[in-house]
Amino acid sequence: MDKLLNFLGLCRRAGKLLTGNDVVTDAVRNGEARLVIVSSDVSKNTEKKLRAVCGSYSVEILKLNRTTDELSASIGKFAAVTATTDSGFAKKLSTLIMNDIGGTCV
């Protein structure tokens, strides 16, 4: 596994990573989510809905260059959509995705 996926696993073990479309959407609406992350193969419909919600609540959303299977393996739970609730983790993940590892802003 690479640095990004290892860090996502650390975030999950720290209890600062939410998984699942409904859970993440609720966290964005409740002001808990600091950064939303979607896998490269998430459905267009899911991505569109998350983009709308995140845009309404000014939450950054990033798309990984990793598949759902790779993301799921790194956090130990099936997930195509995740969100971190910690500002520090969000800043580090954003840096890893955009600079070191490669990803896109949705």
PDB file of N, CA and C in Angstrom:
ATOM      1  N   MET A   1       0.840  -1.193   0.000  1.00  0.00           N
ATOM      2  CA  MET A   1       0.000   0.000   0.000  1.00  0.00           C
ATOM      3  C   MET A   1       0.878   1.247   0.000  1.00  0.00           C
ATOM      4  N   ASP A   2       0.319   2.299  -0.500  1.00  0.00           N
ATOM      5  CA  ASP A   2       1.069   3.536  -0.578  1.00  0.00           C
ATOM      6  C   ASP A   2       0.786   4.447   0.621  1.00  0.00           C
ATOM      7  N   LYS A   3       1.453   5.563   0.627  1.00  0.00           N
ATOM      8  CA  LYS A   3       1.392   6.513   1.744  1.00  0.00           C
ATOM      9  C   LYS A   3      -0.041   7.019   1.993  1.00  0.00           C
ATOM     10  N   LEU A   4      -0.752   7.339   0.933  1.00  0.00           N
ATOM     11  CA  LEU A   4      -2.119   7.842   1.066  1.00  0.00           C
ATOM     12  C   LEU A   4      -3.036   6.793   1.687  1.00  0.00           C
ATOM     13  N   LEU A   5      -2.993   5.588   1.161  1.00  0.00           N
ATOM     14  CA  LEU A   5      -3.857   4.536   1.681  1.00  0.00           C
ATOM     15  C   LEU A   5      -3.493   4.182   3.120  1.00  0.00           C
ATOM     16  N   ASN A   6      -2.212   4.192   3.448  1.00  0.00           N
ATOM     17  CA  ASN A   6      -1.805   3.961   4.836  1.00  0.00           C
ATOM     18  C   ASN A   6      -2.352   5.042   5.756  1.00  0.00           C
ATOM     19  N   PHE A   7      -2.313   6.290   5.306  1.00  0.00           N
ATOM     20  CA  PHE A   7      -2.812   7.396   6.120  1.00  0.00           C
ATOM     21  C   PHE A   7      -4.327   7.309   6.302  1.00  0.00           C
ATOM     22  N   LEU A   8      -5.037   6.875   5.272  1.00  0.00           N
ATOM     23  CA  LEU A   8      -6.482   6.675   5.405  1.00  0.00           C
ATOM     24  C   LEU A   8      -6.789   5.599   6.441  1.00  0.00           C
ATOM     25  N   GLY A   9      -5.974   4.537   6.456  1.00  0.00           N
ATOM     26  CA  GLY A   9      -6.132   3.492   7.471  1.00  0.00           C
ATOM     27  C   GLY A   9      -5.891   4.034   8.863  1.00  0.00           C
ATOM     28  N   LEU A  10      -4.890   4.879   9.017  1.00  0.00           N
ATOM     29  CA  LEU A  10      -4.609   5.514  10.307  1.00  0.00           C
ATOM     30  C   LEU A  10      -5.782   6.385  10.753  1.00  0.00           C
ATOM     31  N   CYS A  11      -6.322   7.134   9.826  1.00  0.00           N
ATOM     32  CA  CYS A  11      -7.471   7.993  10.108  1.00  0.00           C
ATOM     33  C   CYS A  11      -8.667   7.154  10.584  1.00  0.00           C
ATOM     34  N   ARG A  12      -8.889   6.024   9.953  1.00  0.00           N
ATOM     35  CA  ARG A  12      -9.985   5.123  10.346  1.00  0.00           C
ATOM     36  C   ARG A  12      -9.740   4.563  11.748  1.00  0.00           C
ATOM     37  N   ARG A  13      -8.523   4.123  12.017  1.00  0.00           N
ATOM     38  CA  ARG A  13      -8.205   3.566  13.344  1.00  0.00           C
ATOM     39  C   ARG A  13      -8.328   4.617  14.440  1.00  0.00           C
ATOM     40  N   ALA A  14      -8.109   5.869  14.098  1.00  0.00           N
ATOM     41  CA  ALA A  14      -8.238   6.963  15.058  1.00  0.00           C
ATOM     42  C   ALA A  14      -9.707   7.346  15.284  1.00  0.00           C
ATOM     43  N   GLY A  15     -10.595   6.759  14.510  1.00  0.00           N
ATOM     44  CA  GLY A  15     -12.015   7.049  14.666  1.00  0.00           C
ATOM     45  C   GLY A  15     -12.442   8.368  14.034  1.00  0.00           C
ATOM     46  N   LYS A  16     -11.663   8.853  13.089  1.00  0.00           N
ATOM     47  CA  LYS A  16     -11.934  10.143  12.455  1.00  0.00           C
ATOM     48  C   LYS A  16     -12.352  10.012  10.998  1.00  0.00           C
ATOM     49  N   LEU A  17     -12.722   8.800  10.578  1.00  0.00           N
ATOM     50  CA  LEU A  17     -13.110   8.576   9.191  1.00  0.00           C
ATOM     51  C   LEU A  17     -14.503   7.962   9.151  1.00  0.00           C
ATOM     52  N   LEU A  18     -15.404   8.609   8.441  1.00  0.00           N
ATOM     53  CA  LEU A  18     -16.755   8.104   8.244  1.00  0.00           C
ATOM     54  C   LEU A  18     -16.829   7.453   6.872  1.00  0.00           C
ATOM     55  N   THR A  19     -17.652   6.429   6.741  1.00  0.00           N
ATOM     56  CA  THR A  19     -17.779   5.735   5.461  1.00  0.00           C
ATOM     57  C   THR A  19     -19.239   5.578   5.077  1.00  0.00           C
ATOM     58  N   GLY A  20     -19.470   5.570   3.791  1.00  0.00           N
ATOM     59  CA  GLY A  20     -20.818   5.364   3.276  1.00  0.00           C
ATOM     60  C   GLY A  20     -21.472   6.660   2.849  1.00  0.00           C
ATOM     61  N   ASN A  21     -22.198   6.599   1.764  1.00  0.00           N
ATOM     62  CA  ASN A  21     -22.812   7.777   1.179  1.00  0.00           C
ATOM     63  C   ASN A  21     -23.767   8.485   2.141  1.00  0.00           C
ATOM     64  N   ASP A  22     -24.674   7.753   2.758  1.00  0.00           N
ATOM     65  CA  ASP A  22     -25.662   8.367   3.653  1.00  0.00           C
ATOM     66  C   ASP A  22     -25.009   8.965   4.898  1.00  0.00           C
ATOM     67  N   VAL A  23     -24.068   8.246   5.484  1.00  0.00           N
ATOM     68  CA  VAL A  23     -23.378   8.724   6.684  1.00  0.00           C
ATOM     69  C   VAL A  23     -22.577   9.988   6.372  1.00  0.00           C
ATOM     70  N   VAL A  24     -21.881   9.982   5.247  1.00  0.00           N
ATOM     71  CA  VAL A  24     -21.077  11.136   4.844  1.00  0.00           C
ATOM     72  C   VAL A  24     -21.976  12.336   4.541  1.00  0.00           C
ATOM     73  N   THR A  25     -23.067  12.111   3.829  1.00  0.00           N
ATOM     74  CA  THR A  25     -23.996  13.200   3.516  1.00  0.00           C
ATOM     75  C   THR A  25     -24.550  13.825   4.789  1.00  0.00           C
ATOM     76  N   ASP A  26     -24.943  13.004   5.754  1.00  0.00           N
ATOM     77  CA  ASP A  26     -25.440  13.514   7.033  1.00  0.00           C
ATOM     78  C   ASP A  26     -24.367  14.306   7.772  1.00  0.00           C
ATOM     79  N   ALA A  27     -23.128  13.822   7.730  1.00  0.00           N
ATOM     80  CA  ALA A  27     -22.024  14.520   8.400  1.00  0.00           C
ATOM     81  C   ALA A  27     -21.757  15.881   7.765  1.00  0.00           C
ATOM     82  N   VAL A  28     -21.885  15.968   6.456  1.00  0.00           N
ATOM     83  CA  VAL A  28     -21.715  17.257   5.771  1.00  0.00           C
ATOM     84  C   VAL A  28     -22.813  18.212   6.212  1.00  0.00           C
ATOM     85  N   ARG A  29     -24.042  17.729   6.226  1.00  0.00           N
ATOM     86  CA  ARG A  29     -25.179  18.574   6.618  1.00  0.00           C
ATOM     87  C   ARG A  29     -25.108  19.002   8.078  1.00  0.00           C
ATOM     88  N   ASN A  30     -24.545  18.155   8.934  1.00  0.00           N
ATOM     89  CA  ASN A  30     -24.440  18.463  10.364  1.00  0.00           C
ATOM     90  C   ASN A  30     -23.202  19.280  10.713  1.00  0.00           C
ATOM     91  N   GLY A  31     -22.364  19.561   9.727  1.00  0.00           N
ATOM     92  CA  GLY A  31     -21.168  20.352   9.963  1.00  0.00           C
ATOM     93  C   GLY A  31     -20.017  19.571  10.574  1.00  0.00           C
ATOM     94  N   GLU A  32     -20.076  18.245  10.537  1.00  0.00           N
ATOM     95  CA  GLU A  32     -19.022  17.398  11.109  1.00  0.00           C
ATOM     96  C   GLU A  32     -17.913  17.084  10.112  1.00  0.00           C
ATOM     97  N   ALA A  33     -18.250  16.953   8.844  1.00  0.00           N
ATOM     98  CA  ALA A  33     -17.272  16.566   7.819  1.00  0.00           C
ATOM     99  C   ALA A  33     -16.364  17.727   7.472  1.00  0.00           C
ATOM    100  N   ARG A  34     -15.066  17.448   7.416  1.00  0.00           N
ATOM    101  CA  ARG A  34     -14.073  18.465   7.048  1.00  0.00           C
ATOM    102  C   ARG A  34     -13.576  18.270   5.622  1.00  0.00           C
ATOM    103  N   LEU A  35     -13.593  17.018   5.140  1.00  0.00           N
ATOM    104  CA  LEU A  35     -13.151  16.685   3.794  1.00  0.00           C
ATOM    105  C   LEU A  35     -13.866  15.410   3.363  1.00  0.00           C
ATOM    106  N   VAL A  36     -14.416  15.424   2.163  1.00  0.00           N
ATOM    107  CA  VAL A  36     -15.078  14.248   1.601  1.00  0.00           C
ATOM    108  C   VAL A  36     -14.174  13.690   0.512  1.00  0.00           C
ATOM    109  N   ILE A  37     -14.022  12.373   0.520  1.00  0.00           N
ATOM    110  CA  ILE A  37     -13.162  11.692  -0.445  1.00  0.00           C
ATOM    111  C   ILE A  37     -13.971  10.604  -1.137  1.00  0.00           C
ATOM    112  N   VAL A  38     -13.890  10.567  -2.466  1.00  0.00           N
ATOM    113  CA  VAL A  38     -14.579   9.530  -3.225  1.00  0.00           C
ATOM    114  C   VAL A  38     -13.559   8.748  -4.053  1.00  0.00           C
ATOM    115  N   SER A  39     -13.857   7.492  -4.297  1.00  0.00           N
ATOM    116  CA  SER A  39     -12.958   6.657  -5.095  1.00  0.00           C
ATOM    117  C   SER A  39     -13.113   6.993  -6.573  1.00  0.00           C
ATOM    118  N   SER A  40     -12.186   6.539  -7.370  1.00  0.00           N
ATOM    119  CA  SER A  40     -12.179   6.861  -8.806  1.00  0.00           C
ATOM    120  C   SER A  40     -13.344   6.225  -9.559  1.00  0.00           C
ATOM    121  N   ASP A  41     -13.888   5.137  -9.036  1.00  0.00           N
ATOM    122  CA  ASP A  41     -14.962   4.444  -9.739  1.00  0.00           C
ATOM    123  C   ASP A  41     -16.336   4.622  -9.083  1.00  0.00           C
ATOM    124  N   VAL A  42     -16.490   5.685  -8.291  1.00  0.00           N
ATOM    125  CA  VAL A  42     -17.792   5.967  -7.685  1.00  0.00           C
ATOM    126  C   VAL A  42     -18.762   6.341  -8.815  1.00  0.00           C
ATOM    127  N   SER A  43     -20.034   6.035  -8.642  1.00  0.00           N
ATOM    128  CA  SER A  43     -21.002   6.301  -9.700  1.00  0.00           C
ATOM    129  C   SER A  43     -21.147   7.806  -9.946  1.00  0.00           C
ATOM    130  N   LYS A  44     -21.465   8.155 -11.161  1.00  0.00           N
ATOM    131  CA  LYS A  44     -21.638   9.571 -11.539  1.00  0.00           C
ATOM    132  C   LYS A  44     -22.772  10.204 -10.730  1.00  0.00           C
ATOM    133  N   ASN A  45     -23.829   9.446 -10.481  1.00  0.00           N
ATOM    134  CA  ASN A  45     -24.964   9.958  -9.722  1.00  0.00           C
ATOM    135  C   ASN A  45     -24.558  10.280  -8.278  1.00  0.00           C
ATOM    136  N   THR A  46     -23.819   9.376  -7.649  1.00  0.00           N
ATOM    137  CA  THR A  46     -23.348   9.598  -6.283  1.00  0.00           C
ATOM    138  C   THR A  46     -22.426  10.802  -6.228  1.00  0.00           C
ATOM    139  N   GLU A  47     -21.516  10.891  -7.181  1.00  0.00           N
ATOM    140  CA  GLU A  47     -20.580  12.015  -7.236  1.00  0.00           C
ATOM    141  C   GLU A  47     -21.331  13.338  -7.403  1.00  0.00           C
ATOM    142  N   LYS A  48     -22.340  13.355  -8.257  1.00  0.00           N
ATOM    143  CA  LYS A  48     -23.126  14.558  -8.500  1.00  0.00           C
ATOM    144  C   LYS A  48     -23.856  15.005  -7.235  1.00  0.00           C
ATOM    145  N   LYS A  49     -24.470  14.067  -6.541  1.00  0.00           N
ATOM    146  CA  LYS A  49     -25.197  14.394  -5.307  1.00  0.00           C
ATOM    147  C   LYS A  49     -24.258  14.911  -4.223  1.00  0.00           C
ATOM    148  N   LEU A  50     -23.114  14.258  -4.082  1.00  0.00           N
ATOM    149  CA  LEU A  50     -22.146  14.700  -3.078  1.00  0.00           C
ATOM    150  C   LEU A  50     -21.585  16.077  -3.423  1.00  0.00           C
ATOM    151  N   ARG A  51     -21.330  16.308  -4.682  1.00  0.00           N
ATOM    152  CA  ARG A  51     -20.829  17.618  -5.115  1.00  0.00           C
ATOM    153  C   ARG A  51     -21.825  18.712  -4.750  1.00  0.00           C
ATOM    154  N   ALA A  52     -23.105  18.436  -4.941  1.00  0.00           N
ATOM    155  CA  ALA A  52     -24.149  19.420  -4.629  1.00  0.00           C
ATOM    156  C   ALA A  52     -24.211  19.694  -3.126  1.00  0.00           C
ATOM    157  N   VAL A  53     -24.202  18.644  -2.322  1.00  0.00           N
ATOM    158  CA  VAL A  53     -24.270  18.804  -0.868  1.00  0.00           C
ATOM    159  C   VAL A  53     -23.027  19.510  -0.341  1.00  0.00           C
ATOM    160  N   CYS A  54     -21.856  19.066  -0.794  1.00  0.00           N
ATOM    161  CA  CYS A  54     -20.605  19.676  -0.334  1.00  0.00           C
ATOM    162  C   CYS A  54     -20.514  21.139  -0.760  1.00  0.00           C
ATOM    163  N   GLY A  55     -20.990  21.445  -1.943  1.00  0.00           N
ATOM    164  CA  GLY A  55     -20.997  22.823  -2.406  1.00  0.00           C
ATOM    165  C   GLY A  55     -21.898  23.707  -1.568  1.00  0.00           C
ATOM    166  N   SER A  56     -23.048  23.168  -1.177  1.00  0.00           N
ATOM    167  CA  SER A  56     -23.988  23.925  -0.349  1.00  0.00           C
ATOM    168  C   SER A  56     -23.444  24.223   1.038  1.00  0.00           C
ATOM    169  N   TYR A  57     -22.616  23.319   1.555  1.00  0.00           N
ATOM    170  CA  TYR A  57     -22.099  23.461   2.916  1.00  0.00           C
ATOM    171  C   TYR A  57     -20.608  23.813   2.957  1.00  0.00           C
ATOM    172  N   SER A  58     -20.050  24.156   1.816  1.00  0.00           N
ATOM    173  CA  SER A  58     -18.640  24.571   1.705  1.00  0.00           C
ATOM    174  C   SER A  58     -17.661  23.547   2.281  1.00  0.00           C
ATOM    175  N   VAL A  59     -17.854  22.294   1.906  1.00  0.00           N
ATOM    176  CA  VAL A  59     -16.957  21.221   2.313  1.00  0.00           C
ATOM    177  C   VAL A  59     -16.196  20.757   1.072  1.00  0.00           C
ATOM    178  N   GLU A  60     -14.878  20.662   1.202  1.00  0.00           N
ATOM    179  CA  GLU A  60     -14.043  20.226   0.088  1.00  0.00           C
ATOM    180  C   GLU A  60     -14.316  18.761  -0.230  1.00  0.00           C
ATOM    181  N   ILE A  61     -14.384  18.449  -1.515  1.00  0.00           N
ATOM    182  CA  ILE A  61     -14.560  17.062  -1.957  1.00  0.00           C
ATOM    183  C   ILE A  61     -13.473  16.747  -2.974  1.00  0.00           C
ATOM    184  N   LEU A  62     -12.788  15.625  -2.765  1.00  0.00           N
ATOM    185  CA  LEU A  62     -11.694  15.218  -3.650  1.00  0.00           C
ATOM    186  C   LEU A  62     -11.925  13.799  -4.156  1.00  0.00           C
ATOM    187  N   LYS A  63     -11.455  13.553  -5.362  1.00  0.00           N
ATOM    188  CA  LYS A  63     -11.575  12.231  -5.972  1.00  0.00           C
ATOM    189  C   LYS A  63     -10.200  11.587  -6.029  1.00  0.00           C
ATOM    190  N   LEU A  64     -10.110  10.379  -5.494  1.00  0.00           N
ATOM    191  CA  LEU A  64      -8.852   9.636  -5.485  1.00  0.00           C
ATOM    192  C   LEU A  64      -8.544   9.047  -6.849  1.00  0.00           C
ATOM    193  N   ASN A  65      -7.289   8.740  -7.065  1.00  0.00           N
ATOM    194  CA  ASN A  65      -6.879   7.939  -8.216  1.00  0.00           C
ATOM    195  C   ASN A  65      -6.768   6.480  -7.784  1.00  0.00           C
ATOM    196  N   ARG A  66      -7.667   6.060  -6.925  1.00  0.00           N
ATOM    197  CA  ARG A  66      -7.696   4.696  -6.401  1.00  0.00           C
ATOM    198  C   ARG A  66      -9.131   4.172  -6.522  1.00  0.00           C
ATOM    199  N   THR A  67      -9.263   2.879  -6.734  1.00  0.00           N
ATOM    200  CA  THR A  67     -10.582   2.275  -6.877  1.00  0.00           C
ATOM    201  C   THR A  67     -11.228   2.046  -5.511  1.00  0.00           C
ATOM    202  N   THR A  68     -12.491   1.685  -5.555  1.00  0.00           N
ATOM    203  CA  THR A  68     -13.224   1.368  -4.332  1.00  0.00           C
ATOM    204  C   THR A  68     -12.572   0.194  -3.613  1.00  0.00           C
ATOM    205  N   ASP A  69     -12.114  -0.796  -4.365  1.00  0.00           N
ATOM    206  CA  ASP A  69     -11.457  -1.955  -3.754  1.00  0.00           C
ATOM    207  C   ASP A  69     -10.177  -1.556  -3.026  1.00  0.00           C
ATOM    208  N   GLU A  70      -9.391  -0.683  -3.623  1.00  0.00           N
ATOM    209  CA  GLU A  70      -8.153  -0.230  -2.981  1.00  0.00           C
ATOM    210  C   GLU A  70      -8.452   0.588  -1.731  1.00  0.00           C
ATOM    211  N   LEU A  71      -9.433   1.472  -1.826  1.00  0.00           N
ATOM    212  CA  LEU A  71      -9.840   2.281  -0.672  1.00  0.00           C
ATOM    213  C   LEU A  71     -10.369   1.393   0.447  1.00  0.00           C
ATOM    214  N   SER A  72     -11.214   0.451   0.093  1.00  0.00           N
ATOM    215  CA  SER A  72     -11.797  -0.456   1.081  1.00  0.00           C
ATOM    216  C   SER A  72     -10.736  -1.292   1.783  1.00  0.00           C
ATOM    217  N   ALA A  73      -9.776  -1.782   1.035  1.00  0.00           N
ATOM    218  CA  ALA A  73      -8.706  -2.591   1.624  1.00  0.00           C
ATOM    219  C   ALA A  73      -7.875  -1.772   2.614  1.00  0.00           C
ATOM    220  N   SER A  74      -7.675  -0.506   2.320  1.00  0.00           N
ATOM    221  CA  SER A  74      -6.843   0.324   3.189  1.00  0.00           C
ATOM    222  C   SER A  74      -7.511   0.664   4.509  1.00  0.00           C
ATOM    223  N   ILE A  75      -8.851   0.736   4.520  1.00  0.00           N
ATOM    224  CA  ILE A  75      -9.544   1.104   5.758  1.00  0.00           C
ATOM    225  C   ILE A  75     -10.223  -0.078   6.433  1.00  0.00           C
ATOM    226  N   GLY A  76     -10.202  -1.231   5.786  1.00  0.00           N
ATOM    227  CA  GLY A  76     -10.764  -2.429   6.407  1.00  0.00           C
ATOM    228  C   GLY A  76     -12.276  -2.497   6.389  1.00  0.00           C
ATOM    229  N   LYS A  77     -12.886  -1.742   5.494  1.00  0.00           N
ATOM    230  CA  LYS A  77     -14.349  -1.715   5.402  1.00  0.00           C
ATOM    231  C   LYS A  77     -14.716  -1.276   3.995  1.00  0.00           C
ATOM    232  N   PHE A  78     -15.750  -1.871   3.414  1.00  0.00           N
ATOM    233  CA  PHE A  78     -16.144  -1.500   2.060  1.00  0.00           C
ATOM    234  C   PHE A  78     -16.631  -0.058   2.046  1.00  0.00           C
ATOM    235  N   ALA A  79     -16.061   0.745   1.157  1.00  0.00           N
ATOM    236  CA  ALA A  79     -16.472   2.146   1.046  1.00  0.00           C
ATOM    237  C   ALA A  79     -15.988   2.743  -0.264  1.00  0.00           C
ATOM    238  N   ALA A  80     -16.882   3.473  -0.917  1.00  0.00           N
ATOM    239  CA  ALA A  80     -16.517   4.248  -2.099  1.00  0.00           C
ATOM    240  C   ALA A  80     -16.497   5.729  -1.752  1.00  0.00           C
ATOM    241  N   VAL A  81     -17.144   6.056  -0.627  1.00  0.00           N
ATOM    242  CA  VAL A  81     -17.256   7.433  -0.168  1.00  0.00           C
ATOM    243  C   VAL A  81     -16.830   7.487   1.291  1.00  0.00           C
ATOM    244  N   THR A  82     -15.922   8.416   1.616  1.00  0.00           N
ATOM    245  CA  THR A  82     -15.481   8.588   2.999  1.00  0.00           C
ATOM    246  C   THR A  82     -15.407  10.081   3.312  1.00  0.00           C
ATOM    247  N   ALA A  83     -15.342  10.376   4.600  1.00  0.00           N
ATOM    248  CA  ALA A  83     -15.159  11.765   5.038  1.00  0.00           C
ATOM    249  C   ALA A  83     -14.400  11.743   6.346  1.00  0.00           C
ATOM    250  N   THR A  84     -13.540  12.721   6.531  1.00  0.00           N
ATOM    251  CA  THR A  84     -12.852  12.843   7.806  1.00  0.00           C
ATOM    252  C   THR A  84     -13.513  13.956   8.615  1.00  0.00           C
ATOM    253  N   THR A  85     -13.540  13.767   9.918  1.00  0.00           N
ATOM    254  CA  THR A  85     -14.159  14.733  10.812  1.00  0.00           C
ATOM    255  C   THR A  85     -13.122  15.569  11.558  1.00  0.00           C
ATOM    256  N   ASP A  86     -11.866  15.366  11.227  1.00  0.00           N
ATOM    257  CA  ASP A  86     -10.777  16.057  11.913  1.00  0.00           C
ATOM    258  C   ASP A  86     -10.073  17.010  10.947  1.00  0.00           C
ATOM    259  N   SER A  87      -9.899  18.256  11.367  1.00  0.00           N
ATOM    260  CA  SER A  87      -9.273  19.259  10.505  1.00  0.00           C
ATOM    261  C   SER A  87      -7.828  18.925  10.149  1.00  0.00           C
ATOM    262  N   GLY A  88      -7.086  18.393  11.102  1.00  0.00           N
ATOM    263  CA  GLY A  88      -5.692  18.029  10.855  1.00  0.00           C
ATOM    264  C   GLY A  88      -5.565  16.910   9.836  1.00  0.00           C
ATOM    265  N   PHE A  89      -6.379  15.876  10.014  1.00  0.00           N
ATOM    266  CA  PHE A  89      -6.385  14.782   9.045  1.00  0.00           C
ATOM    267  C   PHE A  89      -6.827  15.292   7.676  1.00  0.00           C
ATOM    268  N   ALA A  90      -7.823  16.177   7.642  1.00  0.00           N
ATOM    269  CA  ALA A  90      -8.322  16.713   6.374  1.00  0.00           C
ATOM    270  C   ALA A  90      -7.222  17.464   5.631  1.00  0.00           C
ATOM    271  N   LYS A  91      -6.464  18.261   6.347  1.00  0.00           N
ATOM    272  CA  LYS A  91      -5.388  19.035   5.713  1.00  0.00           C
ATOM    273  C   LYS A  91      -4.322  18.104   5.134  1.00  0.00           C
ATOM    274  N   LYS A  92      -3.917  17.102   5.903  1.00  0.00           N
ATOM    275  CA  LYS A  92      -2.896  16.167   5.448  1.00  0.00           C
ATOM    276  C   LYS A  92      -3.390  15.337   4.258  1.00  0.00           C
ATOM    277  N   LEU A  93      -4.631  14.845   4.342  1.00  0.00           N
ATOM    278  CA  LEU A  93      -5.188  14.060   3.244  1.00  0.00           C
ATOM    279  C   LEU A  93      -5.295  14.894   1.975  1.00  0.00           C
ATOM    280  N   SER A  94      -5.729  16.128   2.107  1.00  0.00           N
ATOM    281  CA  SER A  94      -5.833  17.014   0.951  1.00  0.00           C
ATOM    282  C   SER A  94      -4.463  17.207   0.295  1.00  0.00           C
ATOM    283  N   THR A  95      -3.455  17.407   1.120  1.00  0.00           N
ATOM    284  CA  THR A  95      -2.096  17.565   0.604  1.00  0.00           C
ATOM    285  C   THR A  95      -1.628  16.303  -0.106  1.00  0.00           C
ATOM    286  N   LEU A  96      -1.851  15.153   0.506  1.00  0.00           N
ATOM    287  CA  LEU A  96      -1.436  13.890  -0.104  1.00  0.00           C
ATOM    288  C   LEU A  96      -2.152  13.650  -1.431  1.00  0.00           C
ATOM    289  N   ILE A  97      -3.439  13.905  -1.458  1.00  0.00           N
ATOM    290  CA  ILE A  97      -4.217  13.638  -2.665  1.00  0.00           C
ATOM    291  C   ILE A  97      -3.828  14.589  -3.793  1.00  0.00           C
ATOM    292  N   MET A  98      -3.725  15.862  -3.497  1.00  0.00           N
ATOM    293  CA  MET A  98      -3.485  16.851  -4.550  1.00  0.00           C
ATOM    294  C   MET A  98      -2.026  16.978  -4.973  1.00  0.00           C
ATOM    295  N   ASN A  99      -1.094  16.819  -4.051  1.00  0.00           N
ATOM    296  CA  ASN A  99       0.313  17.056  -4.384  1.00  0.00           C
ATOM    297  C   ASN A  99       1.133  15.791  -4.552  1.00  0.00           C
ATOM    298  N   ASP A 100       1.222  15.006  -3.503  1.00  0.00           N
ATOM    299  CA  ASP A 100       2.125  13.863  -3.485  1.00  0.00           C
ATOM    300  C   ASP A 100       1.609  12.694  -4.339  1.00  0.00           C
ATOM    301  N   ILE A 101       0.365  12.379  -4.208  1.00  0.00           N
ATOM    302  CA  ILE A 101      -0.175  11.160  -4.790  1.00  0.00           C
ATOM    303  C   ILE A 101      -0.887  11.410  -6.110  1.00  0.00           C
ATOM    304  N   GLY A 102      -1.599  12.460  -6.188  1.00  0.00           N
ATOM    305  CA  GLY A 102      -2.376  12.760  -7.388  1.00  0.00           C
ATOM    306  C   GLY A 102      -3.841  12.446  -7.189  1.00  0.00           C
ATOM    307  N   GLY A 103      -4.644  13.381  -7.488  1.00  0.00           N
ATOM    308  CA  GLY A 103      -6.094  13.240  -7.354  1.00  0.00           C
ATOM    309  C   GLY A 103      -6.702  14.467  -7.987  1.00  0.00           C
ATOM    310  N   THR A 104      -7.998  14.543  -7.939  1.00  0.00           N
ATOM    311  CA  THR A 104      -8.667  15.666  -8.555  1.00  0.00           C
ATOM    312  C   THR A 104      -9.684  16.279  -7.614  1.00  0.00           C
ATOM    313  N   CYS A 105      -9.880  17.554  -7.783  1.00  0.00           N
ATOM    314  CA  CYS A 105     -10.918  18.265  -7.051  1.00  0.00           C
ATOM    315  C   CYS A 105     -12.200  18.040  -7.830  1.00  0.00           C
ATOM    316  N   VAL A 106     -13.231  17.607  -7.134  1.00  0.00           N
ATOM    317  CA  VAL A 106     -14.492  17.271  -7.817  1.00  0.00           C
ATOM    318  C   VAL A 106     -15.346  18.505  -7.959  1.00  0.00           C
TER     319      VAL A 106
END
